[in-house]
Protein backbone atom coordinates (compact mmCIF):
# COMPACT_ATOMS: atom_id res chain seq x y z
CA MET A 1 0.00 0.00 0.00
CA LEU A 2 1.24 3.49 -0.89
CA ASP A 3 2.11 5.48 2.25
CA LEU A 4 1.80 9.22 1.56
CA SER A 5 2.42 10.18 5.19
CA LYS A 6 6.19 9.96 4.67
CA PRO A 7 8.40 11.27 1.88
CA SER A 8 9.92 8.86 -0.59
CA VAL A 9 13.55 9.19 -1.66
CA ALA A 10 12.52 8.54 -5.28
CA ARG A 11 9.80 11.21 -5.20
CA MET A 12 12.10 13.70 -3.44
CA TYR A 13 14.68 13.16 -6.19
CA ASP A 14 11.94 13.66 -8.79
CA TYR A 15 11.02 16.99 -7.17
CA LEU A 16 14.63 18.16 -7.07
CA LEU A 17 14.94 17.38 -10.79
CA GLY A 18 11.83 19.45 -11.54
CA GLY A 19 9.48 16.50 -11.96
CA THR A 20 5.77 16.31 -11.12
CA ASP A 21 5.49 12.77 -9.71
CA ASN A 22 5.75 13.89 -6.08
CA TYR A 23 3.53 15.01 -3.23
CA GLN A 24 3.44 17.79 -0.65
CA VAL A 25 5.19 15.63 1.93
CA ASP A 26 8.08 15.08 -0.51
CA ARG A 27 8.35 18.78 -1.34
CA GLU A 28 8.37 19.79 2.31
CA ALA A 29 11.14 17.29 3.07
CA CYS A 30 13.18 18.61 0.14
CA GLU A 31 12.83 22.19 1.33
CA GLU A 32 14.13 21.20 4.76
CA LEU A 33 16.98 19.27 3.16
CA LEU A 34 17.84 22.35 1.08
CA ARG A 35 18.09 24.34 4.29
CA LEU A 36 20.56 21.81 5.67
CA ALA A 37 22.54 21.56 2.41
CA PRO A 38 21.72 24.28 -0.15
CA SER A 39 23.61 22.51 -2.94
CA THR A 40 21.22 19.54 -2.91
CA ARG A 41 19.28 20.54 -6.04
CA ASP A 42 22.55 21.19 -7.88
CA ILE A 43 23.72 17.73 -6.84
CA ALA A 44 20.57 16.08 -8.22
CA LEU A 45 21.06 17.73 -11.62
CA ILE A 46 24.79 16.94 -11.65
CA ASN A 47 24.13 13.31 -10.78
CA ARG A 48 21.51 12.94 -13.50
CA ALA A 49 23.93 14.37 -16.06
CA PHE A 50 26.58 11.90 -14.85
CA LEU A 51 24.17 8.98 -15.33
CA VAL A 52 23.43 10.07 -18.90
CA ARG A 53 27.12 10.52 -19.73
CA ALA A 54 28.09 7.18 -18.19
CA VAL A 55 25.41 5.21 -20.06
CA ARG A 56 26.20 6.94 -23.35
CA TYR A 57 29.95 6.34 -22.85
CA LEU A 58 29.44 2.65 -22.11
CA ALA A 59 27.11 2.13 -25.05
CA ARG A 60 29.06 4.20 -27.58
CA GLU A 61 32.68 3.75 -26.56
CA ARG A 62 32.65 0.39 -24.76
CA GLY A 63 30.01 -1.43 -26.79
CA VAL A 64 27.77 -2.29 -23.82
CA ARG A 65 24.26 -3.33 -24.84
CA ARG A 66 22.84 -4.53 -21.50
CA PHE A 67 22.20 -2.46 -18.39
CA LEU A 68 20.98 -3.38 -14.89
CA ASP A 69 19.83 -0.25 -13.04
CA HIS A 70 19.57 -0.69 -9.23
CA GLY A 71 17.34 1.78 -7.40
CA SER A 72 16.31 3.33 -10.69
CA GLY A 73 13.83 5.86 -9.31
CA LEU A 74 10.97 7.49 -11.17
CA PRO A 75 11.30 7.66 -14.97
CA THR A 76 13.10 10.85 -15.97
CA SER A 77 13.79 11.68 -19.60
CA PRO A 78 16.20 10.80 -20.94
CA ASN A 79 16.16 7.56 -18.97
CA VAL A 80 18.75 4.80 -19.22
CA HIS A 81 17.05 2.89 -22.03
CA GLU A 82 16.51 6.10 -24.03
CA VAL A 83 20.19 7.06 -23.78
CA ALA A 84 21.43 3.56 -24.58
CA GLN A 85 18.96 2.92 -27.39
CA ALA A 86 19.88 6.23 -29.03
CA VAL A 87 23.27 4.55 -29.61
CA ASP A 88 21.89 1.14 -30.56
CA ARG A 89 18.21 0.24 -30.68
CA SER A 90 18.98 -3.30 -29.49
CA CYS A 91 20.19 -2.17 -26.04
CA GLU A 92 18.34 -3.85 -23.16
CA VAL A 93 17.68 -2.43 -19.70
CA VAL A 94 16.25 -3.90 -16.52
CA TYR A 95 15.23 -1.37 -13.88
CA ILE A 96 14.99 -2.36 -10.20
CA ASP A 97 13.21 -0.38 -7.48
CA ASN A 98 11.20 -1.29 -4.39
CA ASP A 99 8.95 1.78 -4.57
CA PRO A 100 5.51 0.74 -5.95
CA VAL A 101 5.02 4.19 -7.48
CA VAL A 102 8.29 3.78 -9.39
CA ALA A 103 7.28 0.32 -10.61
CA ALA A 104 3.83 1.51 -11.74
CA HIS A 105 5.16 4.52 -13.61
CA GLY A 106 8.00 2.49 -15.08
CA ASN A 107 5.76 -0.26 -16.38
CA MET A 108 3.44 2.28 -17.99
CA SER A 109 6.27 4.14 -19.69
CA LEU A 110 7.94 0.94 -20.93
CA ALA A 111 4.81 -0.84 -22.12
CA GLU A 112 5.54 -0.03 -25.76
CA ASP A 113 8.62 -2.28 -25.95
CA PRO A 114 8.76 -4.97 -23.25
CA SER A 115 11.23 -6.97 -25.33
CA THR A 116 14.13 -4.64 -24.48
CA THR A 117 13.08 -3.06 -21.16
CA ALA A 118 11.63 -4.31 -17.89
CA VAL A 119 10.93 -3.05 -14.37
CA LEU A 120 11.32 -5.28 -11.31
CA GLU A 121 9.61 -4.19 -8.10
CA MET A 122 12.29 -5.59 -5.79
CA ASP A 123 14.65 -4.40 -3.12
CA MET A 124 18.08 -3.94 -4.68
CA ARG A 125 19.59 -5.85 -1.75
CA GLU A 126 17.80 -9.05 -2.89
CA THR A 127 20.62 -10.11 -5.20
CA ASP A 128 19.65 -13.80 -5.36
CA ARG A 129 16.03 -13.00 -6.20
CA ILE A 130 17.00 -10.36 -8.77
CA PHE A 131 19.42 -12.63 -10.60
CA ALA A 132 16.91 -15.50 -10.54
CA SER A 133 14.30 -13.40 -12.34
CA PRO A 134 13.64 -14.27 -16.00
CA GLN A 135 14.28 -10.65 -16.99
CA VAL A 136 17.81 -10.61 -15.54
CA GLU A 137 18.59 -14.15 -16.65
CA ARG A 138 17.79 -13.01 -20.19
CA LEU A 139 20.04 -9.99 -19.75
CA LEU A 140 22.95 -12.28 -18.82
CA ARG A 141 22.61 -14.63 -21.77
CA GLY A 142 25.69 -15.22 -23.87
CA GLU A 143 28.13 -13.87 -21.28
CA GLN A 144 28.11 -10.46 -22.94
CA PRO A 145 29.20 -7.51 -20.75
CA VAL A 146 26.56 -5.93 -18.53
CA ALA A 147 26.72 -2.51 -16.90
CA ALA A 148 25.36 -2.57 -13.33
CA LEU A 149 24.27 0.86 -12.15
CA PHE A 150 24.22 2.02 -8.53
CA VAL A 151 23.74 5.72 -9.20
CA SER A 152 22.97 7.79 -6.11
CA VAL A 153 21.35 4.86 -4.30
CA LEU A 154 23.95 3.25 -2.02
CA HIS A 155 23.42 5.99 0.58
CA CYS A 156 19.94 4.48 0.99
CA ILE A 157 21.52 1.32 2.45
CA PRO A 158 22.75 1.39 6.06
CA ASP A 159 26.18 0.14 7.03
CA THR A 160 24.53 -2.75 8.89
CA ASP A 161 23.33 -4.12 5.52
CA ASP A 162 26.89 -3.92 4.12
CA PRO A 163 26.44 -2.09 0.80
CA TRP A 164 30.08 -2.92 -0.07
CA ASP A 165 29.19 -6.61 -0.03
CA LEU A 166 26.14 -5.87 -2.18
CA VAL A 167 28.33 -4.28 -4.85
CA ARG A 168 30.73 -7.24 -4.70
CA ARG A 169 27.88 -9.81 -4.93
CA VAL A 170 26.53 -8.14 -8.04
CA ALA A 171 29.97 -7.81 -9.63
CA ASP A 172 30.67 -11.49 -8.98
CA ARG A 173 27.52 -12.47 -10.90
CA LEU A 174 28.29 -10.36 -13.95
CA PRO A 175 30.16 -11.69 -16.99
CA ASP A 176 33.86 -10.92 -17.16
CA GLY A 177 34.51 -7.53 -18.72
CA SER A 178 31.33 -6.00 -17.31
CA TYR A 179 31.10 -2.55 -15.76
CA MET A 180 29.96 -0.88 -12.54
CA VAL A 181 28.63 2.69 -12.43
CA ILE A 182 28.57 3.97 -8.86
CA SER A 183 27.89 7.33 -7.25
CA GLN A 184 27.10 8.09 -3.62
CA LEU A 185 26.35 11.20 -1.59
CA ALA A 186 29.53 11.88 0.36
CA SER A 187 31.20 14.42 2.62
CA ASP A 188 34.31 14.53 4.74
CA ASN A 189 32.49 16.75 7.24
CA PRO A 190 31.34 14.35 10.01
CA ASP A 191 28.83 16.85 11.44
CA LEU A 192 27.15 17.31 8.06
CA ARG A 193 27.08 13.55 7.47
CA ALA A 194 25.45 13.02 10.85
CA SER A 195 22.86 15.80 10.49
CA ILE A 196 21.68 14.82 7.00
CA THR A 197 21.71 11.11 7.79
CA SER A 198 19.63 11.73 10.91
CA PHE A 199 17.16 13.98 9.08
CA MET A 200 16.67 11.64 6.13
CA ASP A 201 16.33 8.57 8.33
CA ALA A 202 13.63 10.25 10.41
CA ALA A 203 11.84 11.81 7.43
CA THR A 204 11.64 8.60 5.41
CA GLY A 205 10.72 6.34 8.32
CA GLY A 206 14.02 4.48 8.24
CA ASN A 207 14.26 4.12 4.44
CA TRP A 208 17.71 5.63 4.42
CA GLY A 209 21.29 4.56 5.00
CA GLU A 210 24.32 6.79 5.41
CA VAL A 211 25.97 9.82 3.92
CA ARG A 212 29.53 8.47 3.73
CA SER A 213 33.06 9.79 3.71
CA LEU A 214 35.04 9.82 0.49
CA GLU A 215 37.23 7.01 1.79
CA GLU A 216 34.17 4.88 2.51
CA VAL A 217 32.98 5.41 -1.07
CA ASN A 218 36.45 4.52 -2.38
CA ARG A 219 35.91 1.06 -0.90
CA PHE A 220 33.09 0.36 -3.39
CA PHE A 221 35.68 0.38 -6.18
CA GLU A 222 38.25 -1.93 -4.59
CA GLY A 223 39.37 -4.55 -7.10
CA PHE A 224 37.90 -2.67 -10.08
CA GLU A 225 39.66 -0.61 -12.74
CA LEU A 226 38.28 2.92 -12.78
CA LEU A 227 37.89 4.47 -16.23
CA GLU A 228 38.42 8.06 -17.33
CA THR A 229 39.84 9.14 -13.97
CA LEU A 230 43.32 9.91 -12.71
CA ASP A 231 45.14 7.58 -10.31
CA ASN A 232 42.32 4.98 -10.39
CA LYS A 233 40.28 7.05 -7.92
CA PRO A 234 36.63 8.18 -7.94
CA VAL A 235 35.81 11.84 -8.54
CA GLU A 236 33.12 14.40 -7.88
CA VAL A 237 30.90 13.22 -10.72
CA SER A 238 30.59 16.51 -12.62
CA LEU A 239 34.31 16.01 -13.36
CA TRP A 240 33.87 12.52 -14.83
CA HIS A 241 34.22 12.61 -18.64
CA PRO A 242 32.46 16.01 -18.91
CA ASP A 243 30.72 16.88 -22.17
CA SER A 244 31.85 20.50 -21.94
CA ASP A 245 32.76 23.29 -19.56
CA LEU A 246 29.07 24.23 -19.57
CA ALA A 247 28.03 21.10 -17.64
CA PRO A 248 26.26 21.72 -14.30
CA ARG A 249 28.48 22.60 -11.35
CA GLN A 250 27.74 23.01 -7.65
CA LYS A 251 27.60 26.52 -6.24
CA SER A 252 28.63 25.21 -2.82
CA LYS A 253 29.99 21.84 -1.73
CA GLU A 254 28.62 20.83 1.64
CA TRP A 255 28.42 17.35 0.16
CA ILE A 256 29.00 15.90 -3.30
CA GLU A 257 28.05 13.02 -5.54
CA TYR A 258 31.27 11.01 -5.64
CA GLY A 259 31.93 8.04 -7.88
CA GLY A 260 32.85 6.81 -11.33
CA VAL A 261 32.69 4.05 -13.93
CA ALA A 262 34.75 0.90 -13.45
CA LEU A 263 35.67 -2.24 -15.36
CA VAL A 264 35.10 -5.57 -13.61
CA LYS A 265 37.92 -8.05 -14.18
CA LYS A 266 37.36 -11.53 -12.82
CA ALA A 267 40.21 -13.23 -10.97
CA ARG A 268 41.80 -16.15 -12.81
CA ASP A 269 43.23 -19.27 -11.22
CA GLY A 270 46.44 -18.25 -9.49
CA ASP A 271 45.59 -14.53 -9.85
CA LEU A 272 45.75 -12.83 -6.45
CA SER A 273 44.94 -9.37 -7.74
CA ARG A 274 41.48 -9.31 -6.14
């Protein structure tokens, strides 16, 4: 049952992006969040631009034709399948989100071509269930590379649920030569991390995780080869493979979206690199 007494992270993000699939409770929560961290709307726009660039880069420059989008959120144009299919119409995308509003909107918007797109109403932590679904099994056919997306969603998972292990579980199930796209809300200011984490946890009724330090986000990429970054380190995502100097930038940096795109290389027998 849809609970409109509490804000939804997906609907809050929709509001920050200028969408209309949100309610008064979501807008009020966003306004309070903007008081705590005025750059929040800038971050949402920057993160969306990063998602578009990453998907286009993987489809155009790396030849990826299959995408698995964890915590996909409400459909926002251009969405992952629109960006990928603009490169190659055969690209396939499976969206995963546990919000029933997201699933309903997603299924309506994708009804025209169910052969290349699907929406799973599942919790992104349910790796076994996700990979046992017919939609994802089809995505993995032929051992062709898959891009797994965790774009601005891992901060919704608390430390107690070990989001680092989640990323590793998914990577381990992907074909060799697949890719991970990860961004996470991060700050090296412990007071800011604590205040926003506390606010979002209370506002969403516990449907929140942690704003993390940059070093904690670095851990998501351990064992992967970061692409288009210096020194194999994540970056503030407006700096990742920018289209131009006119791309969105933050006016202030209380917190940032921090991440990148990485290649997954499977360990071989006798290879101790992982």
